[in-house]
Amino acid sequence: MHTRSVLVAGFALAGLAVGCKPEREPIEPEPTEPAKISGPADNEHVFAYGSQTIYAYADPSLDGEVDRLFEVFAAMRDEAFVIRDGGELPIGWTTLRFAVEGSRIGILEPDYDGDPEHDSRPDISVSLATLARQRAILTLAGVPGEPIDFDRHVLLVRGSLEQSEVFLVRVASPGGRMTGWRLSPTAGMQAEDEVDSLPVHAILRARPELVDAMLLPAGFMAFYTGERLVTLVDERDEVVWDWARDGELAPLGQPEPTITEHPAGDPNLLPALDQ
């Protein structure tokens, strides 16, 4: 497809060129046991972490995603990681934060409805639901994910967020605050177009469906019509999935039965604990 080179060149002409590291202490972890979901409220999920208890709040439809998160905490517990108040856990596209009060460890996500770069909230549903949809897209594409940060930036043609037919292309990130993602109208970039830069969380607020494709690796393109993802194209310009040809995405990030799912502890979505 020529669209890729045209868009990348257009941005160039415009002049715009997971890890968790809590401190170790010699604590004695309790024996590993399966993650348990319990609590007085349907959205409260509880996990025993040594002498402390982790509390996560998420919509009941996200129980599977909470189980995946608890597997991360089980690995951290086995490695005797100490969770500190204010510590952070980058995971996929988001960053979860810890609020520790005595034996209670609360899990927070950035306040995506407010000021996510400075404020947090106790319900982590947006983080987990987005991860689920991102996992479904990675499964369709058959590739491992490349993480981004919610406060890193996307380059976009001004006004493209308001257009129905748009596409995303990911180039190798130049580093700094950039994700490597570019957004343009499907019709392409015009000579008079101007370029903006917005953080991922601003894209989430305006067009949340676009963030669903943002763990795809460099070279991929994702085409949208309105809220619908319609086509995925890989770095060889081959269509790896098309809505008209292949049908709907499975709901809430659950892959189709004919596709092999990445294991629950997929390192492409979970933080590296040995860094």
Protein backbone atom coordinates (compact mmCIF):
# COMPACT_ATOMS: atom_id res chain seq x y z
CA MET A 1 0.00 0.00 0.00
CA HIS A 2 1.33 3.43 -0.93
CA THR A 3 -0.63 5.06 1.90
CA ARG A 4 2.07 4.14 4.43
CA SER A 5 4.94 5.93 2.69
CA VAL A 6 2.80 8.94 1.81
CA LEU A 7 1.73 9.43 5.43
CA VAL A 8 5.21 8.93 6.90
CA ALA A 9 6.70 11.31 4.35
CA GLY A 10 3.97 13.82 5.04
CA PHE A 11 4.74 13.89 8.76
CA ALA A 12 8.44 14.25 7.95
CA LEU A 13 7.74 17.19 5.68
CA ALA A 14 5.78 18.78 8.50
CA GLY A 15 9.08 18.91 10.40
CA LEU A 16 8.27 16.32 13.04
CA ALA A 17 10.72 13.92 12.90
CA VAL A 18 7.12 -2.72 30.99
CA GLY A 19 8.72 -2.99 33.81
CA CYS A 20 8.05 -3.16 37.58
CA LYS A 21 11.02 -2.48 39.82
CA PRO A 22 9.88 -2.48 43.43
CA GLU A 23 12.65 -2.71 46.03
CA ARG A 24 13.62 -6.17 47.24
CA GLU A 25 13.63 -7.08 50.90
CA PRO A 26 14.11 -10.50 52.48
CA ILE A 27 10.45 -11.13 53.24
CA GLU A 28 9.16 -14.66 53.34
CA PRO A 29 6.38 -15.12 50.78
CA GLU A 30 3.50 -17.40 51.59
CA PRO A 31 3.04 -20.53 49.45
CA THR A 32 1.67 -19.82 45.99
CA GLU A 33 -2.03 -20.44 45.62
CA PRO A 34 -4.51 -19.77 42.84
CA ALA A 35 -5.71 -16.20 42.59
CA LYS A 36 -8.96 -15.76 44.47
CA ILE A 37 -11.73 -13.35 43.69
CA SER A 38 -13.92 -12.47 46.61
CA GLY A 39 -15.35 -9.59 48.54
CA PRO A 40 -18.64 -8.07 49.59
CA ALA A 41 -19.10 -6.19 46.33
CA ASP A 42 -19.27 -7.69 42.84
CA ASN A 43 -16.48 -5.41 41.67
CA GLU A 44 -14.08 -6.10 44.57
CA HIS A 45 -11.29 -8.60 43.94
CA VAL A 46 -8.95 -9.70 46.74
CA PHE A 47 -5.51 -11.33 46.59
CA ALA A 48 -3.33 -12.44 49.53
CA TYR A 49 0.15 -10.92 49.24
CA GLY A 50 2.24 -12.24 52.14
CA SER A 51 0.96 -10.52 55.29
CA GLN A 52 -0.85 -7.92 53.17
CA THR A 53 -3.96 -8.02 50.99
CA ILE A 54 -4.32 -6.54 47.53
CA TYR A 55 -7.69 -5.02 46.63
CA ALA A 56 -8.60 -4.42 42.99
CA TYR A 57 -11.89 -2.93 41.84
CA ALA A 58 -13.15 -3.66 38.34
CA ASP A 59 -16.37 -4.47 36.54
CA PRO A 60 -17.44 -8.13 37.03
CA SER A 61 -17.22 -8.69 33.27
CA LEU A 62 -13.45 -8.26 33.63
CA ASP A 63 -12.88 -11.15 36.04
CA GLY A 64 -10.58 -12.85 33.52
CA GLU A 65 -8.43 -9.74 33.23
CA VAL A 66 -8.22 -9.48 37.01
CA ASP A 67 -7.05 -13.11 37.09
CA ARG A 68 -4.26 -12.21 34.66
CA LEU A 69 -3.26 -9.27 36.83
CA PHE A 70 -3.24 -11.46 39.94
CA GLU A 71 -0.84 -13.83 38.17
CA VAL A 72 1.58 -10.90 37.98
CA PHE A 73 1.15 -10.28 41.70
CA ALA A 74 1.71 -14.00 42.39
CA ALA A 75 5.04 -13.82 40.51
CA MET A 76 6.00 -10.68 42.44
CA ARG A 77 5.12 -12.38 45.72
CA ASP A 78 7.19 -15.42 44.82
CA GLU A 79 10.15 -13.11 44.09
CA ALA A 80 9.65 -11.34 47.44
CA PHE A 81 9.07 -7.95 45.86
CA VAL A 82 8.03 -5.31 48.35
CA ILE A 83 5.17 -3.10 47.15
CA ARG A 84 5.66 0.50 48.23
CA ASP A 85 3.05 3.21 48.58
CA GLY A 86 3.13 5.26 45.39
CA GLY A 87 4.88 2.52 43.41
CA GLU A 88 3.87 1.93 39.79
CA LEU A 89 3.29 -1.08 37.54
CA PRO A 90 3.46 -0.33 33.79
CA ILE A 91 1.40 -2.91 31.93
CA GLY A 92 0.70 -2.84 28.20
CA TRP A 93 -0.53 0.70 27.62
CA THR A 94 -1.43 1.84 31.13
CA THR A 95 0.31 2.26 34.48
CA LEU A 96 -1.28 0.94 37.65
CA ARG A 97 -0.35 2.57 40.94
CA PHE A 98 -0.19 1.23 44.49
CA ALA A 99 -1.80 2.85 47.52
CA VAL A 100 -0.52 1.11 50.66
CA GLU A 101 -2.13 1.60 54.07
CA GLY A 102 -0.82 -0.92 56.58
CA SER A 103 -1.81 -4.38 55.43
CA ARG A 104 -4.06 -3.07 52.68
CA ILE A 105 -2.74 -2.54 49.14
CA GLY A 106 -5.10 -0.71 46.81
CA ILE A 107 -4.63 -0.78 43.03
CA LEU A 108 -5.32 2.48 41.20
CA GLU A 109 -5.39 3.51 37.56
CA PRO A 110 -4.85 6.96 36.07
CA ASP A 111 -8.02 9.04 36.18
CA TYR A 112 -8.80 8.79 32.48
CA ASP A 113 -11.93 10.93 32.90
CA GLY A 114 -9.97 13.68 34.65
CA ASP A 115 -6.24 14.41 34.78
CA PRO A 116 -4.59 11.00 34.26
CA GLU A 117 -1.05 12.34 34.43
CA HIS A 118 -1.55 13.58 37.99
CA ASP A 119 -4.64 11.88 39.49
CA SER A 120 -5.62 8.26 40.11
CA ARG A 121 -8.84 6.38 40.82
CA PRO A 122 -9.61 3.02 42.47
CA ASP A 123 -11.67 1.44 39.66
CA ILE A 124 -9.25 -0.07 37.10
CA SER A 125 -11.91 -1.14 34.59
CA VAL A 126 -10.75 1.13 31.75
CA SER A 127 -7.19 -0.17 31.97
CA LEU A 128 -8.26 -3.82 31.97
CA ALA A 129 -11.01 -3.55 29.34
CA THR A 130 -8.64 -1.80 26.95
CA LEU A 131 -5.99 -4.47 27.58
CA ALA A 132 -8.55 -7.16 26.75
CA ARG A 133 -9.42 -5.56 23.41
CA GLN A 134 -5.74 -4.99 22.63
CA ARG A 135 -5.04 -8.66 23.30
CA ALA A 136 -7.82 -9.66 20.89
CA ILE A 137 -6.27 -7.56 18.13
CA LEU A 138 -2.79 -8.98 18.77
CA THR A 139 -4.29 -12.46 18.56
CA LEU A 140 -5.90 -11.67 15.22
CA ALA A 141 -2.61 -10.31 13.91
CA GLY A 142 -0.63 -13.21 15.36
CA VAL A 143 2.11 -10.96 16.71
CA PRO A 144 3.50 -10.05 20.13
CA GLY A 145 2.63 -6.63 21.47
CA GLU A 146 4.95 -3.66 21.84
CA PRO A 147 3.98 -1.58 24.89
CA ILE A 148 3.26 2.12 24.91
CA ASP A 149 2.66 4.57 27.75
CA PHE A 150 -0.63 6.36 28.26
CA ASP A 151 1.15 9.71 28.51
CA ARG A 152 3.29 9.28 25.38
CA HIS A 153 2.24 11.06 22.20
CA VAL A 154 0.66 10.24 18.84
CA LEU A 155 1.24 12.44 15.78
CA LEU A 156 -1.96 13.15 13.89
CA VAL A 157 -3.25 15.19 11.01
CA ARG A 158 -5.21 18.05 12.54
CA GLY A 159 -8.92 17.27 12.42
CA SER A 160 -8.49 13.54 11.81
CA LEU A 161 -10.11 12.59 15.14
CA GLU A 162 -13.34 14.15 13.87
CA GLN A 163 -13.31 12.16 10.63
CA SER A 164 -15.01 8.79 10.30
CA GLU A 165 -12.52 7.03 8.04
CA VAL A 166 -9.01 7.11 9.48
CA PHE A 167 -5.99 4.88 9.77
CA LEU A 168 -3.11 4.41 12.17
CA VAL A 169 0.44 3.45 11.19
CA ARG A 170 3.25 2.70 13.60
CA VAL A 171 6.85 3.55 12.77
CA ALA A 172 9.90 2.88 14.89
CA SER A 173 9.63 5.31 17.78
CA PRO A 174 12.18 8.09 17.76
CA GLY A 175 12.15 7.90 21.56
CA GLY A 176 11.40 10.67 23.99
CA ARG A 177 7.68 11.26 24.37
CA MET A 178 6.64 9.66 21.06
CA THR A 179 4.93 6.27 20.62
CA GLY A 180 5.71 6.00 16.91
CA TRP A 181 1.98 6.04 16.05
CA ARG A 182 0.62 8.37 13.36
CA LEU A 183 -3.07 9.02 12.64
CA SER A 184 -4.41 10.28 9.34
CA PRO A 185 -7.63 10.36 7.34
CA THR A 186 -7.81 7.29 5.12
CA ALA A 187 -7.94 9.66 2.13
CA GLY A 188 -4.39 10.66 3.00
CA MET A 189 -2.52 13.79 3.98
CA GLN A 190 -2.95 16.96 1.97
CA ALA A 191 -0.24 19.56 1.36
CA GLU A 192 -2.09 22.14 3.46
CA ASP A 193 -2.67 19.80 6.42
CA GLU A 194 -1.13 20.64 9.77
CA VAL A 195 0.13 18.13 12.32
CA ASP A 196 -0.76 17.90 16.01
CA SER A 197 0.66 15.81 18.83
CA LEU A 198 -1.65 14.36 21.50
CA PRO A 199 -1.02 11.95 24.39
CA VAL A 200 -2.54 8.50 24.20
CA HIS A 201 -4.98 9.30 27.01
CA ALA A 202 -6.39 12.19 24.93
CA ILE A 203 -6.92 9.76 22.03
CA LEU A 204 -8.63 7.41 24.49
CA ARG A 205 -11.07 10.10 25.55
CA ALA A 206 -11.88 11.18 21.99
CA ARG A 207 -11.78 7.84 20.10
CA PRO A 208 -11.19 4.93 22.53
CA GLU A 209 -11.37 2.35 19.74
CA LEU A 210 -8.13 3.71 18.27
CA VAL A 211 -6.16 2.80 21.40
CA ASP A 212 -7.23 -0.84 20.95
CA ALA A 213 -4.72 -1.20 18.07
CA MET A 214 -1.84 0.60 19.73
CA LEU A 215 0.08 -2.44 20.99
CA LEU A 216 0.67 -3.62 17.42
CA PRO A 217 4.37 -3.47 16.52
CA ALA A 218 6.07 -1.03 14.17
CA GLY A 219 5.07 -1.49 10.54
CA PHE A 220 1.41 -2.29 11.20
CA MET A 221 -1.53 -0.23 9.99
CA ALA A 222 -5.09 -0.27 11.37
CA PHE A 223 -7.99 1.16 9.37
CA TYR A 224 -11.20 2.38 10.98
CA THR A 225 -14.65 3.40 9.82
CA GLY A 226 -16.29 5.22 12.70
CA GLU A 227 -15.87 3.08 15.81
CA ARG A 228 -15.27 -0.10 13.80
CA LEU A 229 -11.83 -1.54 13.12
CA VAL A 230 -12.12 -2.74 9.52
CA THR A 231 -8.65 -3.83 8.38
CA LEU A 232 -5.24 -4.75 9.77
CA VAL A 233 -2.20 -4.57 7.49
CA ASP A 234 1.24 -5.86 8.48
CA GLU A 235 4.70 -4.50 7.75
CA ARG A 236 4.76 -6.38 4.40
CA ASP A 237 1.56 -4.55 3.33
CA GLU A 238 -0.39 -7.81 3.61
CA VAL A 239 -3.93 -7.76 4.97
CA VAL A 240 -3.85 -10.00 8.05
CA TRP A 241 -7.48 -9.38 9.04
CA ASP A 242 -10.44 -7.71 7.36
CA TRP A 243 -13.86 -7.19 8.89
CA ALA A 244 -15.76 -7.76 5.63
CA ARG A 245 -13.78 -10.94 4.91
CA ASP A 246 -13.22 -12.41 8.36
CA GLY A 247 -16.12 -11.21 10.52
CA GLU A 248 -16.44 -9.46 13.84
CA LEU A 249 -13.90 -9.26 16.62
CA ALA A 250 -14.85 -11.46 19.57
CA PRO A 251 -16.37 -9.48 22.45
CA LEU A 252 -14.23 -8.06 25.28
CA GLY A 253 -10.95 -9.37 24.02
CA GLN A 254 -11.85 -13.06 23.94
CA PRO A 255 -10.26 -14.60 20.82
CA GLU A 256 -12.18 -16.65 18.33
CA PRO A 257 -12.06 -20.43 19.06
CA THR A 258 -10.05 -21.09 15.87
CA ILE A 259 -7.18 -18.85 16.95
CA THR A 260 -4.57 -19.86 19.48
CA GLU A 261 -4.54 -17.44 22.39
CA HIS A 262 -1.35 -16.15 23.95
CA PRO A 263 -0.88 -17.68 27.43
CA ALA A 264 -2.23 -15.84 30.44
CA GLY A 265 1.25 -14.74 31.43
CA ASP A 266 2.00 -13.29 28.00
CA PRO A 267 5.17 -11.21 28.54
CA ASN A 268 4.08 -8.87 25.77
CA LEU A 269 1.31 -7.52 27.96
CA LEU A 270 2.76 -8.09 31.40
CA PRO A 271 5.71 -6.35 33.02
CA ALA A 272 9.17 -7.87 33.09
CA LEU A 273 9.95 -8.59 36.72
CA ASP A 274 13.63 -9.37 36.23
CA GLN A 275 14.71 -5.93 35.01
